[in-house]
Amino acid sequence: MLNLREEVVSALEKDVKIIYALGGKRIYHLKAPKSDEYPRITFFELMNIPSYFADDQTTVSEVSFQISIWSRSSNDLSDIGSRVAEVMESLGFIRTFSMDIYEDDTKIFHRPMRFKTKREGS
């Protein structure tokens, strides 16, 4: 199984514009350690499947991630979201989904974004 998690996290954390907009390295796998820390990014792997085979071995894997931006301001969703898309595209991912959500119960803005890629390897 192809593991791209470290590559994705490293690229996001190295992007000065993202870190500045978040107010620090607030990029977390699945959930943030502080529930009241905004803005922040959470991410997880959605799918990791073999796509092509040769001689009974996986030669290409398809991998997708969801990256969610959480904020108290809708402006952050656009600013941070645009930058996240640029970083993911620089890694060879394509965006397959993006949506703006307002969660009335928590008063939080949320933008889930999904990206996928195909890479050689298993």
N, C-alpha and C. Protein backbone atom coordinates (compact mmCIF):
# COMPACT_ATOMS: atom_id res chain seq x y z
N MET A 1 0.84 -1.18 0.00
CA MET A 1 0.00 0.00 0.00
C MET A 1 0.89 1.24 0.00
N LEU A 2 0.60 2.14 -0.89
CA LEU A 2 1.38 3.36 -1.05
C LEU A 2 1.01 4.35 0.06
N ASN A 3 2.02 4.86 0.78
CA ASN A 3 1.77 5.79 1.88
C ASN A 3 2.23 7.19 1.48
N LEU A 4 1.25 8.09 1.28
CA LEU A 4 1.56 9.48 0.89
C LEU A 4 1.30 10.48 2.01
N ARG A 5 0.90 10.00 3.16
CA ARG A 5 0.53 10.89 4.26
C ARG A 5 1.64 11.88 4.63
N GLU A 6 2.85 11.38 4.82
CA GLU A 6 3.95 12.26 5.22
C GLU A 6 4.26 13.30 4.14
N GLU A 7 4.16 12.90 2.89
CA GLU A 7 4.41 13.82 1.78
C GLU A 7 3.39 14.97 1.79
N VAL A 8 2.13 14.62 2.02
CA VAL A 8 1.06 15.63 2.05
C VAL A 8 1.24 16.57 3.23
N VAL A 9 1.44 16.01 4.42
CA VAL A 9 1.60 16.84 5.63
C VAL A 9 2.82 17.74 5.50
N SER A 10 3.93 17.19 5.04
CA SER A 10 5.15 17.96 4.90
C SER A 10 4.96 19.14 3.95
N ALA A 11 4.32 18.90 2.82
CA ALA A 11 4.10 19.98 1.85
C ALA A 11 3.20 21.07 2.42
N LEU A 12 2.14 20.68 3.12
CA LEU A 12 1.25 21.68 3.71
C LEU A 12 1.96 22.48 4.80
N GLU A 13 2.75 21.79 5.63
CA GLU A 13 3.44 22.47 6.73
C GLU A 13 4.60 23.35 6.26
N LYS A 14 5.13 23.06 5.09
CA LYS A 14 6.23 23.88 4.55
C LYS A 14 5.73 25.12 3.82
N ASP A 15 4.43 25.18 3.58
CA ASP A 15 3.88 26.33 2.86
C ASP A 15 3.69 27.51 3.83
N VAL A 16 4.49 28.52 3.66
CA VAL A 16 4.50 29.66 4.57
C VAL A 16 3.14 30.37 4.61
N LYS A 17 2.49 30.49 3.46
CA LYS A 17 1.19 31.17 3.42
C LYS A 17 0.13 30.42 4.20
N ILE A 18 0.12 29.11 4.11
CA ILE A 18 -0.85 28.31 4.88
C ILE A 18 -0.58 28.45 6.38
N ILE A 19 0.67 28.29 6.78
CA ILE A 19 1.01 28.35 8.21
C ILE A 19 0.71 29.73 8.77
N TYR A 20 0.99 30.77 8.01
CA TYR A 20 0.69 32.13 8.46
C TYR A 20 -0.83 32.30 8.64
N ALA A 21 -1.60 31.86 7.66
CA ALA A 21 -3.07 32.01 7.72
C ALA A 21 -3.67 31.21 8.87
N LEU A 22 -3.05 30.07 9.20
CA LEU A 22 -3.55 29.25 10.31
C LEU A 22 -3.10 29.77 11.68
N GLY A 23 -2.08 30.63 11.68
CA GLY A 23 -1.53 31.10 12.95
C GLY A 23 -0.58 30.09 13.58
N GLY A 24 0.00 29.22 12.76
CA GLY A 24 0.92 28.20 13.24
C GLY A 24 0.65 26.88 12.52
N LYS A 25 1.40 25.86 12.92
CA LYS A 25 1.25 24.54 12.28
C LYS A 25 0.04 23.81 12.85
N ARG A 26 -1.12 24.26 12.47
CA ARG A 26 -2.38 23.67 12.94
C ARG A 26 -2.95 22.73 11.89
N ILE A 27 -2.19 21.69 11.59
CA ILE A 27 -2.58 20.69 10.59
C ILE A 27 -2.56 19.34 11.30
N TYR A 28 -3.72 18.70 11.37
CA TYR A 28 -3.87 17.51 12.20
C TYR A 28 -4.51 16.34 11.45
N HIS A 29 -4.08 15.16 11.79
CA HIS A 29 -4.68 13.94 11.25
C HIS A 29 -5.96 13.65 12.04
N LEU A 30 -7.07 13.57 11.35
CA LEU A 30 -8.40 13.25 11.88
C LEU A 30 -9.00 14.31 12.80
N LYS A 31 -8.34 14.68 13.88
CA LYS A 31 -8.94 15.69 14.77
C LYS A 31 -7.86 16.51 15.46
N ALA A 32 -8.24 17.72 15.81
CA ALA A 32 -7.32 18.63 16.47
C ALA A 32 -7.27 18.33 17.97
N PRO A 33 -6.11 18.49 18.60
CA PRO A 33 -6.03 18.24 20.04
C PRO A 33 -6.78 19.27 20.87
N LYS A 34 -6.95 20.49 20.32
CA LYS A 34 -7.70 21.55 21.02
C LYS A 34 -8.95 21.86 20.21
N SER A 35 -10.10 21.62 20.78
CA SER A 35 -11.35 21.78 20.03
C SER A 35 -11.71 23.23 19.75
N ASP A 36 -11.07 24.18 20.41
CA ASP A 36 -11.42 25.59 20.21
C ASP A 36 -10.35 26.36 19.43
N GLU A 37 -9.46 25.65 18.76
CA GLU A 37 -8.36 26.26 18.02
C GLU A 37 -8.77 26.46 16.55
N TYR A 38 -8.88 27.73 16.14
CA TYR A 38 -9.28 28.07 14.77
C TYR A 38 -8.41 29.20 14.26
N PRO A 39 -8.18 29.28 12.96
CA PRO A 39 -8.49 28.27 11.95
C PRO A 39 -7.55 27.08 12.08
N ARG A 40 -7.95 25.97 11.49
CA ARG A 40 -7.14 24.76 11.51
C ARG A 40 -7.49 23.89 10.31
N ILE A 41 -6.63 22.92 10.07
CA ILE A 41 -6.84 21.94 9.00
C ILE A 41 -6.81 20.56 9.63
N THR A 42 -7.74 19.72 9.21
CA THR A 42 -7.67 18.30 9.53
C THR A 42 -7.66 17.54 8.20
N PHE A 43 -7.10 16.34 8.22
CA PHE A 43 -7.04 15.56 6.98
C PHE A 43 -7.11 14.09 7.31
N PHE A 44 -7.48 13.31 6.30
CA PHE A 44 -7.41 11.86 6.41
C PHE A 44 -7.40 11.25 5.01
N GLU A 45 -6.89 10.05 4.94
CA GLU A 45 -6.87 9.32 3.67
C GLU A 45 -8.24 8.71 3.45
N LEU A 46 -8.83 8.99 2.30
CA LEU A 46 -10.15 8.45 1.95
C LEU A 46 -10.05 7.08 1.31
N MET A 47 -9.07 6.93 0.43
CA MET A 47 -8.98 5.71 -0.37
C MET A 47 -7.53 5.45 -0.73
N ASN A 48 -7.18 4.17 -0.79
CA ASN A 48 -5.84 3.77 -1.20
C ASN A 48 -5.98 2.38 -1.81
N ILE A 49 -6.12 2.35 -3.15
CA ILE A 49 -6.38 1.07 -3.81
C ILE A 49 -5.41 0.84 -4.97
N PRO A 50 -5.10 -0.42 -5.25
CA PRO A 50 -4.28 -0.71 -6.42
C PRO A 50 -5.07 -0.44 -7.69
N SER A 51 -4.43 0.13 -8.69
CA SER A 51 -5.10 0.48 -9.95
C SER A 51 -4.63 -0.34 -11.14
N TYR A 52 -3.33 -0.63 -11.20
CA TYR A 52 -2.76 -1.38 -12.31
C TYR A 52 -1.85 -2.47 -11.76
N PHE A 53 -1.80 -3.56 -12.50
CA PHE A 53 -0.99 -4.70 -12.08
C PHE A 53 -0.10 -5.17 -13.22
N ALA A 54 1.03 -5.78 -12.85
CA ALA A 54 1.92 -6.44 -13.81
C ALA A 54 2.58 -7.59 -13.07
N ASP A 55 2.52 -8.74 -13.66
CA ASP A 55 3.11 -9.94 -13.04
C ASP A 55 2.59 -10.13 -11.61
N ASP A 56 1.29 -9.98 -11.44
CA ASP A 56 0.62 -10.14 -10.14
C ASP A 56 1.11 -9.17 -9.06
N GLN A 57 1.68 -8.06 -9.47
CA GLN A 57 2.13 -7.03 -8.53
C GLN A 57 1.45 -5.71 -8.85
N THR A 58 1.14 -4.95 -7.81
CA THR A 58 0.58 -3.61 -8.02
C THR A 58 1.67 -2.71 -8.59
N THR A 59 1.35 -2.05 -9.68
CA THR A 59 2.31 -1.11 -10.28
C THR A 59 1.89 0.34 -10.10
N VAL A 60 0.58 0.56 -9.95
CA VAL A 60 0.06 1.92 -9.75
C VAL A 60 -1.05 1.85 -8.69
N SER A 61 -1.02 2.82 -7.77
CA SER A 61 -2.06 2.92 -6.75
C SER A 61 -2.80 4.24 -6.92
N GLU A 62 -4.09 4.22 -6.61
CA GLU A 62 -4.90 5.43 -6.58
C GLU A 62 -5.13 5.80 -5.12
N VAL A 63 -4.77 7.03 -4.78
CA VAL A 63 -4.85 7.48 -3.39
C VAL A 63 -5.63 8.79 -3.35
N SER A 64 -6.53 8.91 -2.37
CA SER A 64 -7.25 10.17 -2.21
C SER A 64 -7.28 10.59 -0.75
N PHE A 65 -7.30 11.90 -0.55
CA PHE A 65 -7.32 12.50 0.78
C PHE A 65 -8.48 13.49 0.88
N GLN A 66 -9.00 13.64 2.08
CA GLN A 66 -9.88 14.76 2.37
C GLN A 66 -9.13 15.70 3.29
N ILE A 67 -9.11 16.96 2.92
CA ILE A 67 -8.49 18.00 3.73
C ILE A 67 -9.60 18.98 4.07
N SER A 68 -9.83 19.18 5.38
CA SER A 68 -10.90 20.06 5.83
C SER A 68 -10.32 21.30 6.50
N ILE A 69 -10.88 22.44 6.13
CA ILE A 69 -10.50 23.72 6.74
C ILE A 69 -11.64 24.10 7.68
N TRP A 70 -11.29 24.47 8.90
CA TRP A 70 -12.26 24.84 9.93
C TRP A 70 -11.94 26.25 10.40
N SER A 71 -12.95 27.12 10.47
CA SER A 71 -12.69 28.50 10.85
C SER A 71 -13.93 29.17 11.42
N ARG A 72 -13.69 30.26 12.11
CA ARG A 72 -14.81 31.10 12.59
C ARG A 72 -15.16 32.16 11.55
N SER A 73 -14.36 32.25 10.47
CA SER A 73 -14.57 33.24 9.41
C SER A 73 -14.66 32.56 8.05
N SER A 74 -15.66 32.95 7.27
CA SER A 74 -15.79 32.37 5.93
C SER A 74 -14.66 32.81 5.01
N ASN A 75 -14.03 33.95 5.28
CA ASN A 75 -12.91 34.42 4.46
C ASN A 75 -11.74 33.44 4.48
N ASP A 76 -11.50 32.82 5.64
CA ASP A 76 -10.40 31.86 5.75
C ASP A 76 -10.58 30.69 4.81
N LEU A 77 -11.83 30.28 4.61
CA LEU A 77 -12.08 29.12 3.76
C LEU A 77 -11.55 29.34 2.35
N SER A 78 -11.81 30.51 1.80
CA SER A 78 -11.34 30.82 0.44
C SER A 78 -9.83 30.98 0.39
N ASP A 79 -9.30 31.77 1.31
CA ASP A 79 -7.86 32.05 1.30
C ASP A 79 -7.04 30.79 1.52
N ILE A 80 -7.34 30.06 2.58
CA ILE A 80 -6.59 28.85 2.89
C ILE A 80 -6.89 27.77 1.86
N GLY A 81 -8.16 27.66 1.46
CA GLY A 81 -8.55 26.64 0.48
C GLY A 81 -7.82 26.78 -0.84
N SER A 82 -7.67 27.99 -1.31
CA SER A 82 -6.94 28.22 -2.56
C SER A 82 -5.49 27.77 -2.45
N ARG A 83 -4.91 28.07 -1.34
CA ARG A 83 -3.49 27.70 -1.13
C ARG A 83 -3.34 26.19 -0.99
N VAL A 84 -4.24 25.55 -0.24
CA VAL A 84 -4.21 24.09 -0.10
C VAL A 84 -4.32 23.44 -1.48
N ALA A 85 -5.22 23.94 -2.31
CA ALA A 85 -5.38 23.39 -3.67
C ALA A 85 -4.09 23.52 -4.47
N GLU A 86 -3.43 24.65 -4.37
CA GLU A 86 -2.16 24.84 -5.09
C GLU A 86 -1.10 23.85 -4.62
N VAL A 87 -1.00 23.66 -3.31
CA VAL A 87 0.00 22.74 -2.77
C VAL A 87 -0.29 21.31 -3.22
N MET A 88 -1.55 20.90 -3.12
CA MET A 88 -1.91 19.54 -3.51
C MET A 88 -1.69 19.32 -5.00
N GLU A 89 -2.01 20.31 -5.81
CA GLU A 89 -1.78 20.19 -7.26
C GLU A 89 -0.29 20.10 -7.57
N SER A 90 0.54 20.78 -6.79
CA SER A 90 1.99 20.70 -7.00
C SER A 90 2.52 19.30 -6.69
N LEU A 91 1.77 18.53 -5.90
CA LEU A 91 2.15 17.15 -5.58
C LEU A 91 1.58 16.15 -6.59
N GLY A 92 0.83 16.65 -7.56
CA GLY A 92 0.27 15.77 -8.58
C GLY A 92 -1.15 15.32 -8.28
N PHE A 93 -1.80 15.90 -7.29
CA PHE A 93 -3.19 15.58 -6.98
C PHE A 93 -4.12 16.46 -7.80
N ILE A 94 -5.33 15.97 -8.06
CA ILE A 94 -6.37 16.80 -8.65
C ILE A 94 -7.51 16.92 -7.65
N ARG A 95 -8.13 18.07 -7.63
CA ARG A 95 -9.26 18.30 -6.71
C ARG A 95 -10.50 17.68 -7.32
N THR A 96 -11.20 16.87 -6.52
CA THR A 96 -12.41 16.21 -7.00
C THR A 96 -13.66 16.71 -6.31
N PHE A 97 -13.49 17.49 -5.24
CA PHE A 97 -14.65 17.97 -4.48
C PHE A 97 -14.23 19.11 -3.59
N SER A 98 -15.12 20.09 -3.44
CA SER A 98 -14.95 21.18 -2.50
C SER A 98 -16.31 21.78 -2.22
N MET A 99 -16.57 22.08 -0.96
CA MET A 99 -17.90 22.58 -0.59
C MET A 99 -17.78 23.46 0.65
N ASP A 100 -18.50 24.56 0.68
CA ASP A 100 -18.54 25.41 1.86
C ASP A 100 -19.75 25.05 2.71
N ILE A 101 -19.50 24.88 3.99
CA ILE A 101 -20.55 24.49 4.94
C ILE A 101 -20.49 25.43 6.14
N TYR A 102 -21.65 25.81 6.64
CA TYR A 102 -21.72 26.54 7.91
C TYR A 102 -22.45 25.64 8.89
N GLU A 103 -21.80 25.35 10.00
CA GLU A 103 -22.39 24.48 11.01
C GLU A 103 -23.04 25.36 12.07
N ASP A 104 -24.34 25.49 11.98
CA ASP A 104 -25.10 26.41 12.82
C ASP A 104 -24.97 26.11 14.31
N ASP A 105 -24.90 24.85 14.67
CA ASP A 105 -24.83 24.50 16.08
C ASP A 105 -23.51 24.94 16.73
N THR A 106 -22.41 24.89 15.97
CA THR A 106 -21.11 25.27 16.52
C THR A 106 -20.66 26.66 16.07
N LYS A 107 -21.37 27.22 15.08
CA LYS A 107 -21.03 28.53 14.50
C LYS A 107 -19.66 28.50 13.82
N ILE A 108 -19.34 27.37 13.21
CA ILE A 108 -18.06 27.17 12.55
C ILE A 108 -18.25 27.00 11.05
N PHE A 109 -17.37 27.61 10.28
CA PHE A 109 -17.33 27.43 8.84
C PHE A 109 -16.42 26.25 8.53
N HIS A 110 -16.81 25.44 7.56
CA HIS A 110 -16.07 24.22 7.24
C HIS A 110 -16.02 24.05 5.73
N ARG A 111 -14.83 23.78 5.21
CA ARG A 111 -14.69 23.47 3.78
C ARG A 111 -13.96 22.14 3.64
N PRO A 112 -14.71 21.06 3.37
CA PRO A 112 -14.04 19.80 3.03
C PRO A 112 -13.59 19.85 1.56
N MET A 113 -12.37 19.40 1.32
CA MET A 113 -11.82 19.36 -0.04
C MET A 113 -11.25 17.96 -0.25
N ARG A 114 -11.53 17.38 -1.41
CA ARG A 114 -11.02 16.05 -1.70
C ARG A 114 -10.10 16.10 -2.91
N PHE A 115 -9.01 15.33 -2.79
CA PHE A 115 -7.99 15.30 -3.82
C PHE A 115 -7.61 13.84 -4.10
N LYS A 116 -7.28 13.54 -5.38
CA LYS A 116 -6.82 12.19 -5.68
C LYS A 116 -5.64 12.24 -6.64
N THR A 117 -4.90 11.14 -6.63
CA THR A 117 -3.74 10.98 -7.52
C THR A 117 -3.55 9.52 -7.83
N LYS A 118 -2.84 9.25 -8.90
CA LYS A 118 -2.39 7.89 -9.21
C LYS A 118 -0.87 7.94 -9.24
N ARG A 119 -0.26 6.99 -8.54
CA ARG A 119 1.19 6.96 -8.45
C ARG A 119 1.70 5.55 -8.69
N GLU A 120 2.89 5.48 -9.26
CA GLU A 120 3.55 4.19 -9.38
C GLU A 120 3.95 3.71 -8.00
N GLY A 121 3.85 2.43 -7.79
CA GLY A 121 4.23 1.84 -6.52
C GLY A 121 3.06 1.16 -5.86
N SER A 122 3.38 0.44 -4.80
CA SER A 122 2.31 -0.26 -4.09
C SER A 122 2.32 0.08 -2.63
